[in-house]
Amino acid sequence: MRLAVSEHSVRHIRRVVRSFLREWEMAELADAAELGVSELVANVVRHVPDRRCTVLVMRQTAGVRVEVTDGFSGLPSARSEVPEDSEGGRGLLLLDAVADKWGVEPEPSGGKTVWFECRC
């Protein structure tokens, strides 16, 4: 899906991911995958000036892989500690908690792809 996202887009993208997982008989992964894609798309809304991204959901033999690609070259990094009163900074910590693997890959044309995998 190629999208220009807003604060309201996250809810719709979660529904699409859940729909794919039900169709693929992987509904047990829905909560983790929905939380993961929510965090990645929310980061696009917060940090990518044009708010454009591509969301790719791929069925794998043992689970699902979700990729969010944007044109912003700034690479995210997980913080080891987040102040209690901070309103942000926990997204990649949450992703790390719910995904089996995740990572960031710079795109040759600029931008990056942030991805995660959840296994059955």
N, C-alpha and C. Protein backbone atom coordinates (compact mmCIF):
# COMPACT_ATOMS: atom_id res chain seq x y z
N MET A 1 0.84 -1.17 0.00
CA MET A 1 0.00 0.00 0.00
C MET A 1 0.89 1.23 0.00
N ARG A 2 0.69 2.12 -0.95
CA ARG A 2 1.38 3.42 -0.94
C ARG A 2 0.40 4.44 -0.39
N LEU A 3 0.82 5.16 0.64
CA LEU A 3 -0.10 6.01 1.38
C LEU A 3 0.51 7.34 1.76
N ALA A 4 -0.36 8.32 1.93
CA ALA A 4 -0.04 9.54 2.67
C ALA A 4 -0.84 9.41 3.96
N VAL A 5 -0.16 9.32 5.10
CA VAL A 5 -0.82 8.97 6.35
C VAL A 5 -1.07 10.18 7.23
N SER A 6 -2.07 10.02 8.09
CA SER A 6 -2.39 11.01 9.10
C SER A 6 -2.62 10.27 10.41
N GLU A 7 -2.96 10.99 11.45
CA GLU A 7 -3.21 10.37 12.75
C GLU A 7 -4.30 9.31 12.66
N HIS A 8 -5.27 9.50 11.76
CA HIS A 8 -6.40 8.59 11.64
C HIS A 8 -6.09 7.36 10.80
N SER A 9 -4.99 7.36 10.08
CA SER A 9 -4.65 6.25 9.19
C SER A 9 -4.28 4.99 9.94
N VAL A 10 -3.71 5.13 11.10
CA VAL A 10 -3.20 3.98 11.85
C VAL A 10 -4.32 2.97 12.09
N ARG A 11 -5.48 3.44 12.48
CA ARG A 11 -6.61 2.55 12.77
C ARG A 11 -6.98 1.72 11.54
N HIS A 12 -7.00 2.35 10.37
CA HIS A 12 -7.38 1.65 9.15
C HIS A 12 -6.32 0.64 8.73
N ILE A 13 -5.06 1.00 8.89
CA ILE A 13 -3.97 0.09 8.53
C ILE A 13 -3.98 -1.13 9.44
N ARG A 14 -4.27 -0.93 10.72
CA ARG A 14 -4.38 -2.07 11.64
C ARG A 14 -5.45 -3.05 11.17
N ARG A 15 -6.58 -2.52 10.72
CA ARG A 15 -7.67 -3.38 10.23
C ARG A 15 -7.25 -4.19 9.01
N VAL A 16 -6.50 -3.56 8.11
CA VAL A 16 -6.01 -4.26 6.93
C VAL A 16 -5.08 -5.40 7.33
N VAL A 17 -4.16 -5.12 8.24
CA VAL A 17 -3.22 -6.15 8.70
C VAL A 17 -3.99 -7.29 9.35
N ARG A 18 -4.95 -6.98 10.21
CA ARG A 18 -5.76 -8.03 10.87
C ARG A 18 -6.50 -8.86 9.83
N SER A 19 -7.03 -8.21 8.81
CA SER A 19 -7.76 -8.91 7.75
C SER A 19 -6.86 -9.91 7.02
N PHE A 20 -5.65 -9.47 6.67
CA PHE A 20 -4.70 -10.38 6.01
C PHE A 20 -4.39 -11.57 6.91
N LEU A 21 -4.13 -11.32 8.18
CA LEU A 21 -3.76 -12.40 9.08
C LEU A 21 -4.89 -13.40 9.28
N ARG A 22 -6.12 -12.93 9.32
CA ARG A 22 -7.26 -13.85 9.40
C ARG A 22 -7.34 -14.70 8.14
N GLU A 23 -7.21 -14.05 6.98
CA GLU A 23 -7.27 -14.76 5.71
C GLU A 23 -6.18 -15.83 5.62
N TRP A 24 -5.00 -15.52 6.15
CA TRP A 24 -3.87 -16.45 6.11
C TRP A 24 -3.88 -17.44 7.27
N GLU A 25 -4.94 -17.41 8.08
CA GLU A 25 -5.09 -18.29 9.24
C GLU A 25 -3.93 -18.11 10.23
N MET A 26 -3.59 -16.84 10.46
CA MET A 26 -2.55 -16.48 11.42
C MET A 26 -3.09 -15.45 12.42
N ALA A 27 -4.34 -15.59 12.78
CA ALA A 27 -4.98 -14.60 13.66
C ALA A 27 -4.27 -14.44 14.99
N GLU A 28 -3.54 -15.47 15.43
CA GLU A 28 -2.82 -15.38 16.71
C GLU A 28 -1.71 -14.33 16.68
N LEU A 29 -1.32 -13.90 15.48
CA LEU A 29 -0.28 -12.87 15.35
C LEU A 29 -0.85 -11.46 15.27
N ALA A 30 -2.17 -11.34 15.20
CA ALA A 30 -2.80 -10.05 14.92
C ALA A 30 -2.45 -8.98 15.95
N ASP A 31 -2.52 -9.28 17.23
CA ASP A 31 -2.25 -8.26 18.24
C ASP A 31 -0.83 -7.70 18.11
N ALA A 32 0.14 -8.59 17.98
CA ALA A 32 1.54 -8.15 17.87
C ALA A 32 1.77 -7.38 16.57
N ALA A 33 1.24 -7.90 15.47
CA ALA A 33 1.44 -7.24 14.17
C ALA A 33 0.75 -5.88 14.12
N GLU A 34 -0.44 -5.80 14.69
CA GLU A 34 -1.16 -4.52 14.72
C GLU A 34 -0.41 -3.48 15.55
N LEU A 35 0.09 -3.89 16.70
CA LEU A 35 0.85 -2.95 17.53
C LEU A 35 2.12 -2.50 16.80
N GLY A 36 2.81 -3.45 16.18
CA GLY A 36 4.03 -3.11 15.45
C GLY A 36 3.79 -2.14 14.31
N VAL A 37 2.80 -2.42 13.47
CA VAL A 37 2.54 -1.53 12.34
C VAL A 37 2.02 -0.18 12.83
N SER A 38 1.28 -0.17 13.92
CA SER A 38 0.80 1.10 14.49
C SER A 38 1.97 1.99 14.87
N GLU A 39 2.96 1.42 15.52
CA GLU A 39 4.12 2.20 15.95
C GLU A 39 4.91 2.72 14.75
N LEU A 40 5.10 1.88 13.74
CA LEU A 40 5.88 2.32 12.58
C LEU A 40 5.16 3.41 11.79
N VAL A 41 3.86 3.27 11.60
CA VAL A 41 3.11 4.30 10.87
C VAL A 41 3.02 5.58 11.70
N ALA A 42 2.86 5.46 13.01
CA ALA A 42 2.86 6.65 13.87
C ALA A 42 4.17 7.40 13.76
N ASN A 43 5.29 6.67 13.62
CA ASN A 43 6.58 7.34 13.43
C ASN A 43 6.63 8.11 12.12
N VAL A 44 6.00 7.57 11.08
CA VAL A 44 5.92 8.31 9.80
C VAL A 44 5.14 9.60 10.02
N VAL A 45 4.01 9.52 10.71
CA VAL A 45 3.19 10.71 10.96
C VAL A 45 3.99 11.75 11.73
N ARG A 46 4.76 11.33 12.73
CA ARG A 46 5.51 12.25 13.58
C ARG A 46 6.78 12.81 12.93
N HIS A 47 7.47 11.99 12.14
CA HIS A 47 8.83 12.36 11.75
C HIS A 47 9.07 12.58 10.25
N VAL A 48 8.17 12.13 9.39
CA VAL A 48 8.39 12.25 7.95
C VAL A 48 7.63 13.47 7.44
N PRO A 49 8.35 14.46 6.90
CA PRO A 49 7.69 15.71 6.52
C PRO A 49 6.50 15.55 5.57
N ASP A 50 6.60 14.71 4.54
CA ASP A 50 5.47 14.58 3.60
C ASP A 50 4.49 13.48 3.99
N ARG A 51 4.80 12.75 5.06
CA ARG A 51 3.93 11.70 5.60
C ARG A 51 3.59 10.61 4.58
N ARG A 52 4.44 10.42 3.59
CA ARG A 52 4.21 9.37 2.60
C ARG A 52 5.02 8.13 2.99
N CYS A 53 4.39 6.98 2.78
CA CYS A 53 5.08 5.73 3.08
C CYS A 53 4.47 4.60 2.25
N THR A 54 5.16 3.50 2.25
CA THR A 54 4.66 2.26 1.67
C THR A 54 4.61 1.24 2.78
N VAL A 55 3.49 0.56 2.91
CA VAL A 55 3.33 -0.50 3.91
C VAL A 55 3.20 -1.82 3.14
N LEU A 56 4.06 -2.75 3.47
CA LEU A 56 4.08 -4.06 2.81
C LEU A 56 3.88 -5.13 3.88
N VAL A 57 2.89 -5.99 3.68
CA VAL A 57 2.60 -7.09 4.59
C VAL A 57 2.83 -8.37 3.81
N MET A 58 3.77 -9.18 4.28
CA MET A 58 4.14 -10.39 3.54
C MET A 58 3.96 -11.64 4.39
N ARG A 59 3.23 -12.56 3.83
CA ARG A 59 3.09 -13.86 4.47
C ARG A 59 4.39 -14.63 4.32
N GLN A 60 4.82 -15.25 5.39
CA GLN A 60 6.01 -16.09 5.36
C GLN A 60 5.61 -17.49 5.82
N THR A 61 6.49 -18.43 5.62
CA THR A 61 6.20 -19.81 6.00
C THR A 61 5.82 -19.92 7.47
N ALA A 62 6.54 -19.23 8.32
CA ALA A 62 6.32 -19.36 9.76
C ALA A 62 5.76 -18.10 10.40
N GLY A 63 5.19 -17.19 9.62
CA GLY A 63 4.66 -15.97 10.22
C GLY A 63 4.43 -14.88 9.20
N VAL A 64 4.69 -13.66 9.63
CA VAL A 64 4.42 -12.49 8.79
C VAL A 64 5.57 -11.50 8.94
N ARG A 65 5.83 -10.78 7.85
CA ARG A 65 6.82 -9.69 7.85
C ARG A 65 6.08 -8.43 7.41
N VAL A 66 6.30 -7.35 8.14
CA VAL A 66 5.70 -6.05 7.81
C VAL A 66 6.83 -5.07 7.61
N GLU A 67 6.76 -4.32 6.50
CA GLU A 67 7.76 -3.30 6.19
C GLU A 67 7.06 -1.96 5.99
N VAL A 68 7.65 -0.91 6.53
CA VAL A 68 7.17 0.45 6.30
C VAL A 68 8.37 1.23 5.75
N THR A 69 8.22 1.70 4.52
CA THR A 69 9.28 2.45 3.83
C THR A 69 8.84 3.88 3.67
N ASP A 70 9.76 4.82 3.94
CA ASP A 70 9.46 6.24 3.75
C ASP A 70 10.67 6.91 3.11
N GLY A 71 10.50 8.15 2.72
CA GLY A 71 11.56 8.88 2.04
C GLY A 71 12.43 9.73 2.93
N PHE A 72 12.26 9.62 4.25
CA PHE A 72 13.04 10.41 5.20
C PHE A 72 14.28 9.62 5.59
N SER A 73 15.44 10.23 5.45
CA SER A 73 16.68 9.49 5.67
C SER A 73 17.06 9.31 7.13
N GLY A 74 16.42 10.02 8.04
CA GLY A 74 16.74 9.86 9.47
C GLY A 74 16.42 8.46 9.94
N LEU A 75 17.39 7.80 10.55
CA LEU A 75 17.21 6.43 11.02
C LEU A 75 16.75 6.42 12.47
N PRO A 76 15.75 5.62 12.78
CA PRO A 76 15.29 5.54 14.17
C PRO A 76 16.28 4.73 15.01
N SER A 77 16.27 5.00 16.29
CA SER A 77 17.08 4.20 17.20
C SER A 77 16.29 3.97 18.47
N ALA A 78 16.42 2.78 19.01
CA ALA A 78 15.71 2.45 20.25
C ALA A 78 16.45 3.07 21.42
N ARG A 79 15.70 3.68 22.30
CA ARG A 79 16.29 4.25 23.52
C ARG A 79 16.31 3.17 24.60
N SER A 80 17.36 3.14 25.38
CA SER A 80 17.42 2.15 26.45
C SER A 80 16.56 2.59 27.64
N GLU A 81 16.42 3.91 27.82
CA GLU A 81 15.59 4.43 28.90
C GLU A 81 14.81 5.63 28.40
N VAL A 82 13.56 5.72 28.82
CA VAL A 82 12.70 6.84 28.45
C VAL A 82 12.18 7.45 29.74
N PRO A 83 12.31 8.77 29.90
CA PRO A 83 11.79 9.40 31.11
C PRO A 83 10.29 9.11 31.28
N GLU A 84 9.86 8.92 32.52
CA GLU A 84 8.47 8.58 32.80
C GLU A 84 7.49 9.61 32.25
N ASP A 85 7.85 10.89 32.27
CA ASP A 85 6.93 11.94 31.83
C ASP A 85 7.01 12.21 30.33
N SER A 86 7.81 11.45 29.61
CA SER A 86 7.95 11.63 28.16
C SER A 86 6.72 11.09 27.44
N GLU A 87 6.24 11.84 26.44
CA GLU A 87 5.09 11.39 25.66
C GLU A 87 5.49 10.54 24.47
N GLY A 88 6.76 10.41 24.18
CA GLY A 88 7.20 9.61 23.04
C GLY A 88 8.45 8.83 23.39
N GLY A 89 8.98 8.15 22.38
CA GLY A 89 10.24 7.44 22.57
C GLY A 89 10.12 5.98 22.94
N ARG A 90 8.89 5.47 23.03
CA ARG A 90 8.71 4.08 23.44
C ARG A 90 8.38 3.15 22.28
N GLY A 91 8.18 3.69 21.09
CA GLY A 91 7.72 2.89 19.95
C GLY A 91 8.60 1.71 19.62
N LEU A 92 9.89 1.93 19.51
CA LEU A 92 10.79 0.82 19.16
C LEU A 92 10.98 -0.14 20.33
N LEU A 93 10.82 0.35 21.56
CA LEU A 93 10.86 -0.55 22.71
C LEU A 93 9.65 -1.49 22.67
N LEU A 94 8.48 -0.95 22.31
CA LEU A 94 7.29 -1.78 22.16
C LEU A 94 7.46 -2.77 21.02
N LEU A 95 8.00 -2.29 19.90
CA LEU A 95 8.24 -3.17 18.76
C LEU A 95 9.16 -4.31 19.16
N ASP A 96 10.20 -4.00 19.88
CA ASP A 96 11.14 -5.02 20.33
C ASP A 96 10.45 -6.05 21.23
N ALA A 97 9.46 -5.60 21.99
CA ALA A 97 8.76 -6.49 22.91
C ALA A 97 7.79 -7.43 22.20
N VAL A 98 7.19 -7.00 21.08
CA VAL A 98 6.16 -7.81 20.44
C VAL A 98 6.64 -8.56 19.20
N ALA A 99 7.73 -8.13 18.59
CA ALA A 99 8.22 -8.77 17.37
C ALA A 99 9.33 -9.78 17.68
N ASP A 100 9.42 -10.78 16.84
CA ASP A 100 10.51 -11.74 16.99
C ASP A 100 11.82 -11.17 16.47
N LYS A 101 11.75 -10.36 15.42
CA LYS A 101 12.93 -9.69 14.85
C LYS A 101 12.45 -8.37 14.27
N TRP A 102 13.35 -7.38 14.26
CA TRP A 102 13.05 -6.13 13.58
C TRP A 102 14.36 -5.48 13.19
N GLY A 103 14.27 -4.54 12.27
CA GLY A 103 15.47 -3.84 11.86
C GLY A 103 15.16 -2.64 10.98
N VAL A 104 16.22 -1.95 10.59
CA VAL A 104 16.12 -0.75 9.75
C VAL A 104 17.13 -0.90 8.62
N GLU A 105 16.69 -0.61 7.40
CA GLU A 105 17.58 -0.68 6.25
C GLU A 105 17.49 0.62 5.47
N PRO A 106 18.61 1.31 5.28
CA PRO A 106 18.58 2.53 4.44
C PRO A 106 18.24 2.14 3.00
N GLU A 107 17.49 2.98 2.32
CA GLU A 107 17.14 2.76 0.92
C GLU A 107 18.18 3.44 0.04
N PRO A 108 18.58 2.81 -1.08
CA PRO A 108 19.59 3.40 -1.97
C PRO A 108 19.18 4.78 -2.51
N SER A 109 17.89 4.98 -2.71
CA SER A 109 17.42 6.25 -3.25
C SER A 109 17.15 7.29 -2.18
N GLY A 110 17.52 7.00 -0.95
CA GLY A 110 17.21 7.86 0.19
C GLY A 110 16.05 7.26 0.95
N GLY A 111 15.89 7.64 2.16
CA GLY A 111 14.83 7.07 2.98
C GLY A 111 15.28 5.78 3.63
N LYS A 112 14.30 5.05 4.15
CA LYS A 112 14.61 3.84 4.90
C LYS A 112 13.40 2.92 4.91
N THR A 113 13.67 1.67 5.24
CA THR A 113 12.63 0.69 5.50
C THR A 113 12.82 0.18 6.92
N VAL A 114 11.77 0.28 7.71
CA VAL A 114 11.76 -0.31 9.04
C VAL A 114 10.85 -1.53 8.94
N TRP A 115 11.32 -2.67 9.43
CA TRP A 115 10.58 -3.91 9.26
C TRP A 115 10.56 -4.69 10.58
N PHE A 116 9.58 -5.59 10.64
CA PHE A 116 9.55 -6.52 11.77
C PHE A 116 8.92 -7.83 11.30
N GLU A 117 9.23 -8.88 12.05
CA GLU A 117 8.67 -10.19 11.77
C GLU A 117 8.06 -10.76 13.04
N CYS A 118 6.89 -11.38 12.88
CA CYS A 118 6.23 -12.10 13.96
C CYS A 118 6.04 -13.53 13.47
N ARG A 119 6.42 -14.47 14.32
CA ARG A 119 6.34 -15.87 13.92
C ARG A 119 5.24 -16.60 14.71
N CYS A 120 4.65 -17.59 14.06
CA CYS A 120 3.62 -18.41 14.70
C CYS A 120 4.23 -19.27 15.78
